[in-house]
N, C-alpha and C. Protein backbone atom coordinates (compact mmCIF):
# COMPACT_ATOMS: atom_id res chain seq x y z
N UNK A 1 67.34 33.14 126.03
CA UNK A 1 68.00 34.38 125.59
C UNK A 1 67.19 34.86 124.53
N UNK A 2 66.57 36.35 125.24
CA UNK A 2 65.69 36.89 123.91
C UNK A 2 66.55 37.65 122.65
N UNK A 3 65.91 37.94 121.82
CA UNK A 3 66.33 38.53 120.36
C UNK A 3 67.16 39.74 120.98
N UNK A 4 66.59 40.55 121.66
CA UNK A 4 67.24 41.77 121.91
C UNK A 4 68.01 42.06 122.99
N UNK A 5 68.50 40.86 123.62
CA UNK A 5 69.12 40.94 125.08
C UNK A 5 70.59 41.33 124.98
N UNK A 6 71.08 40.88 123.52
CA UNK A 6 72.49 41.59 123.37
C UNK A 6 72.64 42.99 123.08
N UNK A 7 71.35 43.52 122.63
CA UNK A 7 71.34 44.94 122.33
C UNK A 7 71.10 45.50 123.47
N UNK A 8 70.39 45.09 124.65
CA UNK A 8 69.86 45.65 125.96
C UNK A 8 71.42 45.97 126.60
N UNK A 9 72.12 44.87 126.57
CA UNK A 9 73.49 44.70 127.49
C UNK A 9 74.38 45.69 127.13
N UNK A 10 74.42 45.91 125.57
CA UNK A 10 75.20 46.65 124.88
C UNK A 10 75.15 48.25 125.13
N UNK A 11 73.77 48.54 125.17
CA UNK A 11 73.56 49.85 125.20
C UNK A 11 73.06 50.35 126.58
N UNK A 12 73.20 49.32 127.61
CA UNK A 12 73.27 49.66 129.11
C UNK A 12 74.69 49.85 129.32
N UNK A 13 75.70 49.33 128.75
CA UNK A 13 76.96 49.54 129.03
C UNK A 13 77.40 50.81 128.69
N UNK A 14 76.78 51.26 127.35
CA UNK A 14 77.21 52.18 126.67
C UNK A 14 76.76 53.53 127.73
N UNK A 15 75.31 53.46 128.07
CA UNK A 15 75.03 54.52 128.97
C UNK A 15 75.61 54.48 130.31
N UNK A 16 76.07 53.62 130.68
CA UNK A 16 76.75 53.71 132.03
C UNK A 16 78.51 54.18 131.65
N UNK A 17 78.92 53.91 130.98
CA UNK A 17 80.13 54.46 130.50
C UNK A 17 80.07 55.76 130.20
N UNK A 18 78.97 56.38 129.51
CA UNK A 18 78.67 57.59 129.15
C UNK A 18 78.60 58.59 130.44
N UNK A 19 77.93 57.80 131.52
CA UNK A 19 77.86 58.67 132.82
C UNK A 19 79.43 58.83 133.17
N UNK A 20 80.10 57.57 133.37
CA UNK A 20 81.31 57.76 133.81
C UNK A 20 82.20 58.69 133.23
N UNK A 21 82.28 58.78 131.85
CA UNK A 21 83.01 59.65 131.13
C UNK A 21 82.50 61.31 131.49
N UNK A 22 81.05 61.24 131.70
CA UNK A 22 80.83 62.63 132.12
C UNK A 22 81.36 62.98 133.83
N UNK A 23 81.35 62.28 134.55
CA UNK A 23 81.92 62.49 135.72
C UNK A 23 83.29 62.62 135.99
N UNK A 24 84.07 61.88 134.99
CA UNK A 24 85.63 62.06 134.89
C UNK A 24 85.86 63.31 134.31
N UNK A 25 85.12 63.71 133.35
CA UNK A 25 85.49 65.11 132.66
C UNK A 25 85.04 66.13 133.81
N UNK A 26 84.14 65.92 134.67
CA UNK A 26 83.71 67.08 135.72
C UNK A 26 85.10 67.09 136.54
N UNK A 27 85.64 66.11 136.89
CA UNK A 27 86.73 65.86 137.83
C UNK A 27 88.19 66.57 137.28
N UNK A 28 88.31 66.51 135.91
CA UNK A 28 89.35 67.37 135.35
C UNK A 28 88.97 68.47 135.50
N UNK A 29 87.75 69.19 134.81
CA UNK A 29 87.48 70.68 134.71
C UNK A 29 87.24 71.30 135.93
N UNK A 30 87.30 70.49 137.10
CA UNK A 30 87.32 71.11 138.41
C UNK A 30 88.39 70.93 139.56
N UNK A 31 89.67 70.47 138.83
CA UNK A 31 90.59 69.94 139.16
C UNK A 31 91.45 71.18 140.23
N UNK A 32 90.98 72.47 139.85
CA UNK A 32 91.65 73.69 140.27
C UNK A 32 90.55 74.55 141.03
N UNK A 33 89.16 73.87 141.04
CA UNK A 33 88.27 74.78 142.05
C UNK A 33 88.34 74.54 143.18
N UNK A 34 88.62 75.71 143.93
CA UNK A 34 88.86 76.21 145.29
C UNK A 34 87.79 76.40 146.19
N UNK A 35 86.47 76.97 145.45
CA UNK A 35 85.11 77.33 146.12
C UNK A 35 84.30 76.82 145.35
N UNK A 36 83.47 75.98 145.92
CA UNK A 36 82.09 75.68 145.48
C UNK A 36 80.82 76.58 146.26
N UNK A 37 79.71 76.02 145.84
CA UNK A 37 78.64 76.64 146.52
C UNK A 37 78.34 75.88 147.97
N UNK A 38 78.76 74.71 147.86
CA UNK A 38 78.61 74.35 149.41
C UNK A 38 79.81 74.75 150.40
N UNK A 39 80.76 75.16 149.88
CA UNK A 39 81.85 76.07 150.38
C UNK A 39 82.97 74.92 150.20
N UNK A 40 84.10 75.24 150.50
CA UNK A 40 85.22 74.45 150.39
C UNK A 40 85.82 73.85 148.93
N UNK A 41 86.76 73.22 148.57
CA UNK A 41 87.27 73.08 147.40
C UNK A 41 86.01 72.00 146.52
N UNK A 42 86.07 71.85 145.49
CA UNK A 42 85.45 70.57 144.70
C UNK A 42 85.96 69.24 145.41
N UNK A 43 85.00 68.33 145.43
CA UNK A 43 85.25 67.09 145.74
C UNK A 43 85.06 66.04 144.57
N UNK A 44 86.22 65.46 144.47
CA UNK A 44 86.11 64.36 143.22
C UNK A 44 84.98 63.41 143.43
N UNK A 45 84.35 63.21 142.26
CA UNK A 45 83.48 62.12 142.14
C UNK A 45 83.81 60.85 141.39
N UNK A 46 83.40 59.70 141.69
CA UNK A 46 83.26 58.56 141.29
C UNK A 46 81.99 57.92 141.08
N UNK A 47 81.85 57.04 139.88
CA UNK A 47 80.53 56.16 139.64
C UNK A 47 80.97 55.09 139.97
N UNK A 48 79.76 54.33 140.79
CA UNK A 48 79.73 53.01 141.30
C UNK A 48 78.42 52.50 140.16
N UNK A 49 79.10 51.40 139.57
CA UNK A 49 78.18 50.53 138.89
C UNK A 49 77.43 49.45 139.77
N UNK A 50 76.32 48.88 139.22
CA UNK A 50 75.77 47.68 139.60
C UNK A 50 75.11 46.75 138.19
N UNK A 51 74.91 45.43 138.60
CA UNK A 51 74.24 44.68 137.62
C UNK A 51 72.79 44.65 137.51
N UNK A 52 72.16 44.83 136.47
CA UNK A 52 70.93 45.09 136.24
C UNK A 52 70.41 43.56 135.85
N UNK A 53 69.56 43.05 136.61
CA UNK A 53 69.07 41.52 136.44
C UNK A 53 67.61 41.58 136.12
N UNK A 54 67.23 40.59 135.97
CA UNK A 54 65.92 40.35 135.43
C UNK A 54 65.33 38.90 135.70
N UNK A 55 64.58 38.43 136.54
CA UNK A 55 64.09 37.06 136.88
C UNK A 55 63.83 36.53 135.77
N UNK A 56 64.50 35.10 135.63
CA UNK A 56 64.74 34.47 134.31
C UNK A 56 63.32 33.51 134.31
N UNK A 57 62.36 33.76 135.00
CA UNK A 57 61.03 33.31 134.68
C UNK A 57 59.97 34.33 133.80
N UNK A 58 60.71 35.58 133.55
CA UNK A 58 60.05 36.37 132.90
C UNK A 58 60.12 36.79 131.47
N UNK A 59 59.56 37.38 130.77
CA UNK A 59 59.99 37.67 129.40
C UNK A 59 60.91 38.53 129.59
N UNK A 60 61.90 38.48 128.40
CA UNK A 60 63.02 39.60 128.40
C UNK A 60 62.61 40.99 127.92
N UNK A 61 61.31 41.00 127.56
CA UNK A 61 60.93 42.25 126.75
C UNK A 61 59.89 42.92 128.01
N UNK A 62 59.89 42.33 129.22
CA UNK A 62 59.16 42.95 130.36
C UNK A 62 59.79 44.17 130.74
N UNK A 63 59.02 45.03 131.61
CA UNK A 63 59.56 46.22 132.01
C UNK A 63 59.89 45.92 133.51
N UNK A 64 59.74 44.44 134.08
CA UNK A 64 60.16 44.32 135.52
C UNK A 64 61.47 43.97 135.50
N UNK A 65 62.33 45.14 135.69
CA UNK A 65 63.65 44.88 135.98
C UNK A 65 64.08 45.27 137.21
N UNK A 66 65.08 44.48 137.87
CA UNK A 66 65.36 44.93 139.38
C UNK A 66 67.15 44.62 139.40
N UNK A 67 67.57 45.39 140.24
CA UNK A 67 69.11 45.32 140.43
C UNK A 67 69.35 44.72 141.54
N UNK A 68 70.12 43.75 141.73
CA UNK A 68 70.49 43.06 142.92
C UNK A 68 71.88 42.41 142.61
N UNK A 69 72.49 42.20 144.12
CA UNK A 69 73.74 41.45 143.84
C UNK A 69 73.45 40.30 144.61
N UNK A 70 72.35 39.63 144.72
CA UNK A 70 71.94 38.25 145.60
C UNK A 70 72.32 37.07 144.35
N UNK A 71 73.17 36.46 145.00
CA UNK A 71 73.77 35.27 143.74
C UNK A 71 72.78 34.01 144.22
N UNK A 72 72.12 33.84 144.94
CA UNK A 72 71.15 32.81 145.25
C UNK A 72 69.70 33.05 144.35
N UNK A 73 69.73 34.18 143.98
CA UNK A 73 68.26 34.23 143.32
C UNK A 73 68.35 33.60 141.83
N UNK A 74 67.35 33.17 141.34
CA UNK A 74 67.12 32.94 139.61
C UNK A 74 66.96 33.83 138.85
N UNK A 75 68.03 34.61 138.37
CA UNK A 75 67.96 35.57 137.43
C UNK A 75 69.10 35.63 136.33
N UNK A 76 68.82 36.44 135.69
CA UNK A 76 69.55 36.45 134.36
C UNK A 76 70.08 37.84 134.26
N UNK A 77 71.11 38.33 133.78
CA UNK A 77 71.84 39.24 133.40
C UNK A 77 70.97 40.36 132.43
N UNK A 78 70.84 41.34 132.64
CA UNK A 78 70.22 42.48 131.57
C UNK A 78 71.12 43.40 131.16
N UNK A 79 71.97 43.74 132.27
CA UNK A 79 72.94 44.72 131.82
C UNK A 79 73.85 45.47 132.80
N UNK A 80 74.03 46.63 132.72
CA UNK A 80 74.69 46.95 133.92
C UNK A 80 73.88 48.68 133.87
N UNK A 81 74.01 48.88 135.21
CA UNK A 81 73.68 50.35 135.54
C UNK A 81 74.34 50.90 136.48
N UNK A 82 74.12 52.51 136.37
CA UNK A 82 74.63 53.43 137.71
C UNK A 82 73.95 53.28 138.78
N UNK A 83 74.72 52.61 139.89
CA UNK A 83 74.23 52.71 141.23
C UNK A 83 74.26 53.80 141.97
N UNK A 84 75.21 54.72 141.94
CA UNK A 84 75.33 55.89 142.57
C UNK A 84 76.63 56.79 142.10
N UNK A 85 76.80 57.93 142.30
CA UNK A 85 77.68 58.71 142.15
C UNK A 85 78.27 59.29 143.82
N UNK A 86 79.53 58.72 143.96
CA UNK A 86 79.91 59.25 145.28
C UNK A 86 81.10 60.15 145.11
N UNK A 87 80.87 60.98 146.40
CA UNK A 87 82.17 61.78 146.54
C UNK A 87 83.40 61.57 147.39
N UNK A 88 84.49 61.69 146.98
CA UNK A 88 85.47 61.48 147.58
C UNK A 88 85.73 62.04 149.14
N UNK A 89 86.21 61.38 149.97
CA UNK A 89 86.22 61.69 151.37
C UNK A 89 87.65 62.11 151.62
N UNK A 90 88.62 62.11 150.54
CA UNK A 90 90.18 62.64 150.80
C UNK A 90 90.00 64.07 151.07
N UNK A 91 91.23 64.30 152.04
CA UNK A 91 91.50 65.31 152.42
C UNK A 91 91.87 66.48 151.41
N UNK A 92 91.67 67.70 151.26
CA UNK A 92 92.15 68.69 150.34
C UNK A 92 93.71 68.86 150.43
N UNK A 93 94.38 69.30 149.23
CA UNK A 93 95.69 69.48 149.07
C UNK A 93 95.97 71.03 149.48
N UNK A 94 96.62 71.31 150.50
CA UNK A 94 96.79 72.64 150.73
C UNK A 94 98.21 73.17 150.19
N UNK A 95 98.09 74.48 149.61
CA UNK A 95 99.03 75.16 149.13
C UNK A 95 99.07 76.45 149.38
N UNK A 96 100.45 76.90 149.60
CA UNK A 96 100.70 78.15 150.45
C UNK A 96 100.71 79.36 148.99
N UNK A 97 99.67 79.81 149.14
CA UNK A 97 99.18 81.36 148.19
C UNK A 97 98.66 82.31 148.92
N UNK A 98 98.89 82.99 149.64
CA UNK A 98 98.45 84.16 150.03
C UNK A 98 97.84 85.17 149.83
N UNK A 99 98.00 85.33 148.30
CA UNK A 99 97.39 86.43 147.44
C UNK A 99 96.01 85.69 146.80
N UNK A 100 96.01 84.66 147.17
CA UNK A 100 94.58 83.95 146.63
C UNK A 100 93.48 84.23 147.20
N UNK A 101 92.42 84.59 146.64
CA UNK A 101 90.99 85.09 147.29
C UNK A 101 90.39 84.09 148.49
N UNK A 102 90.94 82.63 148.30
CA UNK A 102 90.40 81.80 149.28
C UNK A 102 91.16 81.21 149.94
N UNK A 103 92.31 82.05 150.37
CA UNK A 103 93.53 81.84 151.30
C UNK A 103 92.77 81.92 152.63
N UNK A 104 93.42 80.75 153.56
CA UNK A 104 92.84 80.93 154.99
C UNK A 104 93.73 82.21 155.73
N UNK A 105 93.58 82.30 156.93
CA UNK A 105 94.67 82.80 157.98
C UNK A 105 95.97 82.87 157.53
N UNK A 106 96.37 81.58 157.61
CA UNK A 106 97.90 81.27 157.49
C UNK A 106 98.33 81.38 155.88
N UNK A 107 97.28 81.71 155.12
CA UNK A 107 98.15 81.70 153.70
C UNK A 107 97.65 80.38 152.57
N UNK A 108 97.27 79.64 153.18
CA UNK A 108 96.95 78.33 152.45
C UNK A 108 95.66 78.32 151.75
N UNK A 109 95.67 77.70 150.65
CA UNK A 109 94.50 77.54 149.85
C UNK A 109 94.22 75.83 149.70
N UNK A 110 92.78 75.55 149.94
CA UNK A 110 92.83 74.31 150.02
C UNK A 110 92.21 73.66 148.48
N UNK A 111 92.84 72.92 147.76
CA UNK A 111 92.67 72.40 146.12
C UNK A 111 92.05 70.96 146.39
N UNK A 112 91.27 70.56 145.40
CA UNK A 112 90.73 69.46 145.32
C UNK A 112 91.88 68.40 145.46
N UNK A 113 92.15 67.36 145.92
CA UNK A 113 92.68 66.01 145.63
C UNK A 113 92.57 65.33 144.49
N UNK A 114 92.79 66.06 143.48
CA UNK A 114 92.54 65.17 141.97
C UNK A 114 93.88 65.40 141.13
N UNK A 115 94.22 64.34 140.61
CA UNK A 115 95.36 64.11 140.02
C UNK A 115 94.70 63.79 138.50
N UNK A 116 95.17 64.81 137.53
CA UNK A 116 94.95 64.92 136.31
C UNK A 116 95.41 63.69 135.37
N UNK A 117 96.50 63.15 135.74
CA UNK A 117 96.98 62.14 134.91
C UNK A 117 95.98 60.71 135.33
N UNK A 118 95.78 60.65 136.64
CA UNK A 118 95.01 59.48 137.01
C UNK A 118 93.59 59.57 136.34
N UNK A 119 92.89 60.75 136.33
CA UNK A 119 91.75 60.90 135.88
C UNK A 119 91.75 60.69 134.20
N UNK A 120 93.02 61.25 133.16
CA UNK A 120 92.68 60.98 131.95
C UNK A 120 92.86 59.45 131.58
N UNK A 121 93.69 58.69 132.67
CA UNK A 121 93.62 57.62 132.34
C UNK A 121 92.32 56.74 132.72
N UNK A 122 91.47 57.22 133.70
CA UNK A 122 90.06 56.55 133.81
C UNK A 122 89.32 56.99 132.92
N UNK A 123 89.42 58.44 132.10
CA UNK A 123 88.58 58.81 130.96
C UNK A 123 88.82 57.70 129.74
N UNK A 124 90.33 57.36 129.65
CA UNK A 124 90.62 56.85 128.15
C UNK A 124 89.89 55.33 128.59
N UNK A 125 89.85 54.33 129.89
CA UNK A 125 89.45 53.27 130.14
C UNK A 125 88.10 53.37 130.00
N UNK A 126 87.55 54.31 130.34
CA UNK A 126 85.84 54.41 130.07
C UNK A 126 85.53 54.67 128.61
N UNK A 127 86.57 55.42 127.97
CA UNK A 127 85.85 55.48 126.20
C UNK A 127 86.35 54.16 125.64
N UNK A 128 87.37 53.22 125.94
CA UNK A 128 87.52 52.31 125.52
C UNK A 128 86.52 51.11 125.86
N UNK A 129 85.74 51.25 127.05
CA UNK A 129 84.70 50.42 127.39
C UNK A 129 83.51 50.65 126.58
N UNK A 130 83.50 52.17 126.43
CA UNK A 130 82.36 52.29 125.42
C UNK A 130 82.47 52.06 124.18
N UNK A 131 83.34 52.02 123.42
CA UNK A 131 83.83 51.60 122.28
C UNK A 131 83.76 50.01 122.14
N UNK A 132 83.96 49.25 122.91
CA UNK A 132 83.79 47.82 123.09
C UNK A 132 82.22 47.39 123.23
N UNK A 133 81.49 48.20 124.00
CA UNK A 133 80.06 48.21 123.68
C UNK A 133 79.65 48.42 122.57
N UNK A 134 79.88 49.59 122.10
CA UNK A 134 79.60 49.90 120.40
C UNK A 134 79.82 48.59 119.48
N UNK A 135 81.19 48.07 119.93
CA UNK A 135 81.56 47.07 118.66
C UNK A 135 80.62 45.88 119.09
N UNK A 136 80.56 45.58 120.38
CA UNK A 136 79.39 44.43 120.43
C UNK A 136 78.11 44.75 120.21
N UNK A 137 77.55 45.75 120.05
CA UNK A 137 76.24 46.18 119.65
C UNK A 137 76.47 45.86 117.91
N UNK A 138 77.43 46.39 117.43
CA UNK A 138 77.49 46.45 115.95
C UNK A 138 77.66 44.82 115.47
N UNK A 139 78.42 43.91 116.51
CA UNK A 139 78.44 42.79 115.99
C UNK A 139 77.32 41.99 116.09
N UNK A 140 76.32 42.11 117.15
CA UNK A 140 75.13 41.56 117.05
C UNK A 140 74.25 42.35 116.06
N UNK A 141 74.35 43.16 115.76
CA UNK A 141 73.47 43.75 114.65
C UNK A 141 73.92 43.10 113.33
N UNK A 142 75.24 42.73 113.11
CA UNK A 142 75.54 42.15 111.76
C UNK A 142 75.10 40.38 111.88
N UNK A 143 75.11 39.95 113.11
CA UNK A 143 74.90 38.49 113.09
C UNK A 143 73.30 38.54 112.78
N UNK A 144 72.38 39.44 113.13
CA UNK A 144 71.03 39.26 113.23
C UNK A 144 70.95 39.61 111.88
N UNK A 145 71.64 40.52 110.80
CA UNK A 145 71.54 40.86 109.67
C UNK A 145 71.83 39.51 108.72
N UNK A 146 72.74 39.04 108.84
CA UNK A 146 72.98 37.74 108.22
C UNK A 146 72.22 36.70 108.46
N UNK A 147 71.52 36.49 109.63
CA UNK A 147 70.74 35.69 110.11
C UNK A 147 69.45 35.96 108.99
N UNK A 148 68.88 37.12 108.88
CA UNK A 148 67.66 37.33 107.98
C UNK A 148 68.15 37.15 106.44
N UNK A 149 69.26 37.55 106.12
CA UNK A 149 69.54 37.24 104.67
C UNK A 149 69.43 35.60 104.68
N UNK A 150 70.14 34.67 105.35
CA UNK A 150 70.11 33.21 105.29
C UNK A 150 68.36 32.87 105.09
N UNK A 151 67.75 33.63 106.04
CA UNK A 151 66.48 33.30 106.50
C UNK A 151 65.51 33.68 104.80
N UNK A 152 66.00 34.77 104.23
CA UNK A 152 65.16 35.11 103.19
C UNK A 152 65.52 34.52 101.75
N UNK A 153 66.59 33.59 101.93
CA UNK A 153 66.91 32.71 100.55
C UNK A 153 66.27 31.61 100.26
């Protein structure tokens, strides 16, 4: 394990959770959006994470990073990354609102299938994960500072 590996893992976790926070925030903000540029209601999005790995025979400061889920390869964990942001395929919630400008011929409006309570729980979870990565980063920094203090004595 290299000197900066702990920093790399923590910072990659913070970056991934920041992306998740942004996506969940967009879901909350668009929970009532009935018309998008693509047509139809907003579709809920979710972040898919992947582990970022580095071949163990290479130096940790190398830029040769790969993302894989192959358990048989000789690799070590480098951090986490965002694999993709996927859209939900859930059917929209139909509500009877004949006066709404986006109502169909029967008077129903298609709303995104987004539960704000679930989204808030996801937001809290992502925030706590981000905070845990910050704490890990700071702990690693404190250990390195104490090590340098001992070496300077």
